[in-house]
Amino acid sequence: MAVPYRRTSKTTKRMRRTHFKLSVNGASVCQHCGALVKAHTVCPKCGYYDGKQVVKK
């Protein structure tokens, strides 16, 4: 089994891990109320989709 020759420093480890981050994919702003909504779904706050009321709230 391989053993590292030198210890990885905190800086090197953290620089490598800067790319391991989460991103919010497919989120958009509701045109009616301004809430953050998952794309292509009815807004849970106001019930609007594509500028039309779909669900009564």
PDB file of N, CA and C in Angstrom:
ATOM      1  N   MET A   1       0.842  -1.180   0.000  1.00  0.00           N
ATOM      2  CA  MET A   1       0.000   0.000   0.000  1.00  0.00           C
ATOM      3  C   MET A   1       0.882   1.237   0.000  1.00  0.00           C
ATOM      4  N   ALA A   2       0.487   2.225  -0.803  1.00  0.00           N
ATOM      5  CA  ALA A   2       1.292   3.431  -0.940  1.00  0.00           C
ATOM      6  C   ALA A   2       1.126   4.332   0.271  1.00  0.00           C
ATOM      7  N   VAL A   3       2.223   4.969   0.653  1.00  0.00           N
ATOM      8  CA  VAL A   3       2.225   5.894   1.780  1.00  0.00           C
ATOM      9  C   VAL A   3       2.724   7.238   1.257  1.00  0.00           C
ATOM     10  N   PRO A   4       2.046   8.357   1.577  1.00  0.00           N
ATOM     11  CA  PRO A   4       2.499   9.662   1.092  1.00  0.00           C
ATOM     12  C   PRO A   4       3.886   9.996   1.637  1.00  0.00           C
ATOM     13  N   TYR A   5       4.712  10.582   0.781  1.00  0.00           N
ATOM     14  CA  TYR A   5       6.062  10.957   1.182  1.00  0.00           C
ATOM     15  C   TYR A   5       6.014  12.116   2.163  1.00  0.00           C
ATOM     16  N   ARG A   6       5.158  13.095   1.897  1.00  0.00           N
ATOM     17  CA  ARG A   6       5.018  14.255   2.774  1.00  0.00           C
ATOM     18  C   ARG A   6       3.556  14.476   3.113  1.00  0.00           C
ATOM     19  N   ARG A   7       3.353  15.108   4.241  1.00  0.00           N
ATOM     20  CA  ARG A   7       1.997  15.443   4.670  1.00  0.00           C
ATOM     21  C   ARG A   7       1.448  16.574   3.786  1.00  0.00           C
ATOM     22  N   THR A   8       0.174  16.471   3.418  1.00  0.00           N
ATOM     23  CA  THR A   8      -0.471  17.526   2.642  1.00  0.00           C
ATOM     24  C   THR A   8      -0.807  18.679   3.579  1.00  0.00           C
ATOM     25  N   SER A   9      -0.346  19.866   3.222  1.00  0.00           N
ATOM     26  CA  SER A   9      -0.576  21.029   4.083  1.00  0.00           C
ATOM     27  C   SER A   9      -2.048  21.439   4.064  1.00  0.00           C
ATOM     28  N   LYS A  10      -2.440  22.221   5.053  1.00  0.00           N
ATOM     29  CA  LYS A  10      -3.827  22.689   5.140  1.00  0.00           C
ATOM     30  C   LYS A  10      -4.180  23.549   3.933  1.00  0.00           C
ATOM     31  N   THR A  11      -3.240  24.393   3.508  1.00  0.00           N
ATOM     32  CA  THR A  11      -3.503  25.278   2.377  1.00  0.00           C
ATOM     33  C   THR A  11      -3.716  24.488   1.094  1.00  0.00           C
ATOM     34  N   THR A  12      -2.866  23.521   0.842  1.00  0.00           N
ATOM     35  CA  THR A  12      -2.993  22.707  -0.369  1.00  0.00           C
ATOM     36  C   THR A  12      -4.295  21.926  -0.355  1.00  0.00           C
ATOM     37  N   LYS A  13      -4.627  21.374   0.782  1.00  0.00           N
ATOM     38  CA  LYS A  13      -5.865  20.611   0.909  1.00  0.00           C
ATOM     39  C   LYS A  13      -7.080  21.495   0.670  1.00  0.00           C
ATOM     40  N   ARG A  14      -7.058  22.695   1.232  1.00  0.00           N
ATOM     41  CA  ARG A  14      -8.198  23.607   1.096  1.00  0.00           C
ATOM     42  C   ARG A  14      -8.308  24.169  -0.319  1.00  0.00           C
ATOM     43  N   MET A  15      -7.160  24.412  -0.970  1.00  0.00           N
ATOM     44  CA  MET A  15      -7.206  24.886  -2.349  1.00  0.00           C
ATOM     45  C   MET A  15      -7.787  23.819  -3.269  1.00  0.00           C
ATOM     46  N   ARG A  16      -7.470  22.564  -3.011  1.00  0.00           N
ATOM     47  CA  ARG A  16      -8.004  21.469  -3.807  1.00  0.00           C
ATOM     48  C   ARG A  16      -9.509  21.332  -3.601  1.00  0.00           C
ATOM     49  N   ARG A  17      -9.962  21.577  -2.384  1.00  0.00           N
ATOM     50  CA  ARG A  17     -11.370  21.387  -2.048  1.00  0.00           C
ATOM     51  C   ARG A  17     -12.254  22.588  -2.378  1.00  0.00           C
ATOM     52  N   THR A  18     -11.687  23.667  -2.920  1.00  0.00           N
ATOM     53  CA  THR A  18     -12.516  24.830  -3.250  1.00  0.00           C
ATOM     54  C   THR A  18     -13.521  24.510  -4.341  1.00  0.00           C
ATOM     55  N   HIS A  19     -13.267  23.482  -5.140  1.00  0.00           N
ATOM     56  CA  HIS A  19     -14.171  23.123  -6.231  1.00  0.00           C
ATOM     57  C   HIS A  19     -15.267  22.163  -5.776  1.00  0.00           C
ATOM     58  N   PHE A  20     -15.199  21.636  -4.560  1.00  0.00           N
ATOM     59  CA  PHE A  20     -16.214  20.719  -4.050  1.00  0.00           C
ATOM     60  C   PHE A  20     -17.308  21.526  -3.375  1.00  0.00           C
ATOM     61  N   LYS A  21     -18.134  22.181  -4.172  1.00  0.00           N
ATOM     62  CA  LYS A  21     -19.171  23.014  -3.587  1.00  0.00           C
ATOM     63  C   LYS A  21     -20.512  22.708  -4.246  1.00  0.00           C
ATOM     64  N   LEU A  22     -21.562  23.009  -3.542  1.00  0.00           N
ATOM     65  CA  LEU A  22     -22.907  22.792  -4.049  1.00  0.00           C
ATOM     66  C   LEU A  22     -23.379  24.024  -4.793  1.00  0.00           C
ATOM     67  N   SER A  23     -24.205  23.809  -5.791  1.00  0.00           N
ATOM     68  CA  SER A  23     -24.798  24.929  -6.517  1.00  0.00           C
ATOM     69  C   SER A  23     -26.289  24.674  -6.655  1.00  0.00           C
ATOM     70  N   VAL A  24     -27.043  25.753  -6.704  1.00  0.00           N
ATOM     71  CA  VAL A  24     -28.484  25.643  -6.848  1.00  0.00           C
ATOM     72  C   VAL A  24     -28.790  25.580  -8.335  1.00  0.00           C
ATOM     73  N   ASN A  25     -29.221  24.426  -8.797  1.00  0.00           N
ATOM     74  CA  ASN A  25     -29.545  24.246 -10.204  1.00  0.00           C
ATOM     75  C   ASN A  25     -31.048  24.296 -10.405  1.00  0.00           C
ATOM     76  N   GLY A  26     -31.474  24.987 -11.441  1.00  0.00           N
ATOM     77  CA  GLY A  26     -32.881  24.995 -11.797  1.00  0.00           C
ATOM     78  C   GLY A  26     -33.754  25.846 -10.908  1.00  0.00           C
ATOM     79  N   ALA A  27     -33.203  26.818 -10.217  1.00  0.00           N
ATOM     80  CA  ALA A  27     -34.017  27.698  -9.375  1.00  0.00           C
ATOM     81  C   ALA A  27     -34.285  28.994 -10.131  1.00  0.00           C
ATOM     82  N   SER A  28     -35.506  29.503 -10.007  1.00  0.00           N
ATOM     83  CA  SER A  28     -35.860  30.757 -10.643  1.00  0.00           C
ATOM     84  C   SER A  28     -36.726  31.564  -9.697  1.00  0.00           C
ATOM     85  N   VAL A  29     -36.972  32.815 -10.054  1.00  0.00           N
ATOM     86  CA  VAL A  29     -37.764  33.718  -9.225  1.00  0.00           C
ATOM     87  C   VAL A  29     -39.182  33.753  -9.779  1.00  0.00           C
ATOM     88  N   CYS A  30     -40.161  33.650  -8.895  1.00  0.00           N
ATOM     89  CA  CYS A  30     -41.568  33.726  -9.288  1.00  0.00           C
ATOM     90  C   CYS A  30     -41.859  35.134  -9.799  1.00  0.00           C
ATOM     91  N   GLN A  31     -42.522  35.227 -10.968  1.00  0.00           N
ATOM     92  CA  GLN A  31     -42.818  36.537 -11.558  1.00  0.00           C
ATOM     93  C   GLN A  31     -43.892  37.273 -10.770  1.00  0.00           C
ATOM     94  N   HIS A  32     -44.731  36.548 -10.068  1.00  0.00           N
ATOM     95  CA  HIS A  32     -45.859  37.170  -9.371  1.00  0.00           C
ATOM     96  C   HIS A  32     -45.470  37.659  -7.976  1.00  0.00           C
ATOM     97  N   CYS A  33     -44.864  36.769  -7.154  1.00  0.00           N
ATOM     98  CA  CYS A  33     -44.579  37.143  -5.762  1.00  0.00           C
ATOM     99  C   CYS A  33     -43.091  37.322  -5.456  1.00  0.00           C
ATOM    100  N   GLY A  34     -42.207  36.880  -6.362  1.00  0.00           N
ATOM    101  CA  GLY A  34     -40.776  37.067  -6.165  1.00  0.00           C
ATOM    102  C   GLY A  34     -40.109  35.999  -5.319  1.00  0.00           C
ATOM    103  N   ALA A  35     -40.815  34.911  -5.017  1.00  0.00           N
ATOM    104  CA  ALA A  35     -40.235  33.833  -4.215  1.00  0.00           C
ATOM    105  C   ALA A  35     -39.322  32.971  -5.068  1.00  0.00           C
ATOM    106  N   LEU A  36     -38.344  32.317  -4.448  1.00  0.00           N
ATOM    107  CA  LEU A  36     -37.444  31.409  -5.137  1.00  0.00           C
ATOM    108  C   LEU A  36     -38.158  30.077  -5.324  1.00  0.00           C
ATOM    109  N   VAL A  37     -38.316  29.667  -6.592  1.00  0.00           N
ATOM    110  CA  VAL A  37     -39.111  28.487  -6.931  1.00  0.00           C
ATOM    111  C   VAL A  37     -38.286  27.564  -7.815  1.00  0.00           C
ATOM    112  N   LYS A  38     -38.489  26.271  -7.675  1.00  0.00           N
ATOM    113  CA  LYS A  38     -37.879  25.304  -8.564  1.00  0.00           C
ATOM    114  C   LYS A  38     -38.435  25.511  -9.970  1.00  0.00           C
ATOM    115  N   ALA A  39     -37.595  25.395 -10.983  1.00  0.00           N
ATOM    116  CA  ALA A  39     -38.006  25.689 -12.345  1.00  0.00           C
ATOM    117  C   ALA A  39     -39.101  24.741 -12.821  1.00  0.00           C
ATOM    118  N   HIS A  40     -40.017  25.256 -13.626  1.00  0.00           N
ATOM    119  CA  HIS A  40     -41.101  24.497 -14.256  1.00  0.00           C
ATOM    120  C   HIS A  40     -42.051  23.882 -13.241  1.00  0.00           C
ATOM    121  N   THR A  41     -42.273  24.559 -12.122  1.00  0.00           N
ATOM    122  CA  THR A  41     -43.242  24.099 -11.128  1.00  0.00           C
ATOM    123  C   THR A  41     -44.110  25.282 -10.696  1.00  0.00           C
ATOM    124  N   VAL A  42     -45.268  24.962 -10.137  1.00  0.00           N
ATOM    125  CA  VAL A  42     -46.166  25.985  -9.627  1.00  0.00           C
ATOM    126  C   VAL A  42     -45.567  26.557  -8.349  1.00  0.00           C
ATOM    127  N   CYS A  43     -45.688  27.865  -8.183  1.00  0.00           N
ATOM    128  CA  CYS A  43     -45.158  28.521  -6.985  1.00  0.00           C
ATOM    129  C   CYS A  43     -45.961  28.069  -5.770  1.00  0.00           C
ATOM    130  N   PRO A  44     -45.308  27.549  -4.738  1.00  0.00           N
ATOM    131  CA  PRO A  44     -46.038  27.091  -3.559  1.00  0.00           C
ATOM    132  C   PRO A  44     -46.601  28.230  -2.709  1.00  0.00           C
ATOM    133  N   LYS A  45     -46.077  29.442  -2.877  1.00  0.00           N
ATOM    134  CA  LYS A  45     -46.547  30.576  -2.070  1.00  0.00           C
ATOM    135  C   LYS A  45     -47.815  31.202  -2.639  1.00  0.00           C
ATOM    136  N   CYS A  46     -47.821  31.441  -3.972  1.00  0.00           N
ATOM    137  CA  CYS A  46     -48.964  32.159  -4.547  1.00  0.00           C
ATOM    138  C   CYS A  46     -49.809  31.307  -5.494  1.00  0.00           C
ATOM    139  N   GLY A  47     -49.292  30.171  -5.986  1.00  0.00           N
ATOM    140  CA  GLY A  47     -50.063  29.293  -6.862  1.00  0.00           C
ATOM    141  C   GLY A  47     -50.044  29.687  -8.323  1.00  0.00           C
ATOM    142  N   TYR A  48     -49.115  30.560  -8.726  1.00  0.00           N
ATOM    143  CA  TYR A  48     -49.045  30.993 -10.112  1.00  0.00           C
ATOM    144  C   TYR A  48     -48.002  30.181 -10.877  1.00  0.00           C
ATOM    145  N   TYR A  49     -48.246  29.997 -12.186  1.00  0.00           N
ATOM    146  CA  TYR A  49     -47.290  29.354 -13.083  1.00  0.00           C
ATOM    147  C   TYR A  49     -47.407  30.038 -14.439  1.00  0.00           C
ATOM    148  N   ASP A  50     -46.308  30.527 -14.960  1.00  0.00           N
ATOM    149  CA  ASP A  50     -46.245  31.190 -16.256  1.00  0.00           C
ATOM    150  C   ASP A  50     -47.196  32.388 -16.327  1.00  0.00           C
ATOM    151  N   GLY A  51     -47.326  33.118 -15.233  1.00  0.00           N
ATOM    152  CA  GLY A  51     -48.135  34.317 -15.209  1.00  0.00           C
ATOM    153  C   GLY A  51     -49.628  34.084 -15.037  1.00  0.00           C
ATOM    154  N   LYS A  52     -50.026  32.832 -14.863  1.00  0.00           N
ATOM    155  CA  LYS A  52     -51.442  32.506 -14.695  1.00  0.00           C
ATOM    156  C   LYS A  52     -51.653  31.796 -13.363  1.00  0.00           C
ATOM    157  N   GLN A  53     -52.795  32.046 -12.740  1.00  0.00           N
ATOM    158  CA  GLN A  53     -53.092  31.374 -11.465  1.00  0.00           C
ATOM    159  C   GLN A  53     -53.575  29.954 -11.763  1.00  0.00           C
ATOM    160  N   VAL A  54     -52.865  28.978 -11.217  1.00  0.00           N
ATOM    161  CA  VAL A  54     -53.175  27.580 -11.460  1.00  0.00           C
ATOM    162  C   VAL A  54     -53.841  26.973 -10.237  1.00  0.00           C
ATOM    163  N   VAL A  55     -53.350  27.337  -9.047  1.00  0.00           N
ATOM    164  CA  VAL A  55     -53.860  26.810  -7.791  1.00  0.00           C
ATOM    165  C   VAL A  55     -54.331  27.979  -6.954  1.00  0.00           C
ATOM    166  N   LYS A  56     -55.535  27.858  -6.399  1.00  0.00           N
ATOM    167  CA  LYS A  56     -56.041  28.936  -5.530  1.00  0.00           C
ATOM    168  C   LYS A  56     -55.398  28.834  -4.157  1.00  0.00           C
ATOM    169  N   LYS A  57     -54.891  29.926  -3.680  1.00  0.00           N
ATOM    170  CA  LYS A  57     -54.266  29.972  -2.344  1.00  0.00           C
ATOM    171  C   LYS A  57     -55.000  30.968  -1.491  1.00  0.00           C
TER     172      LYS A  57
END
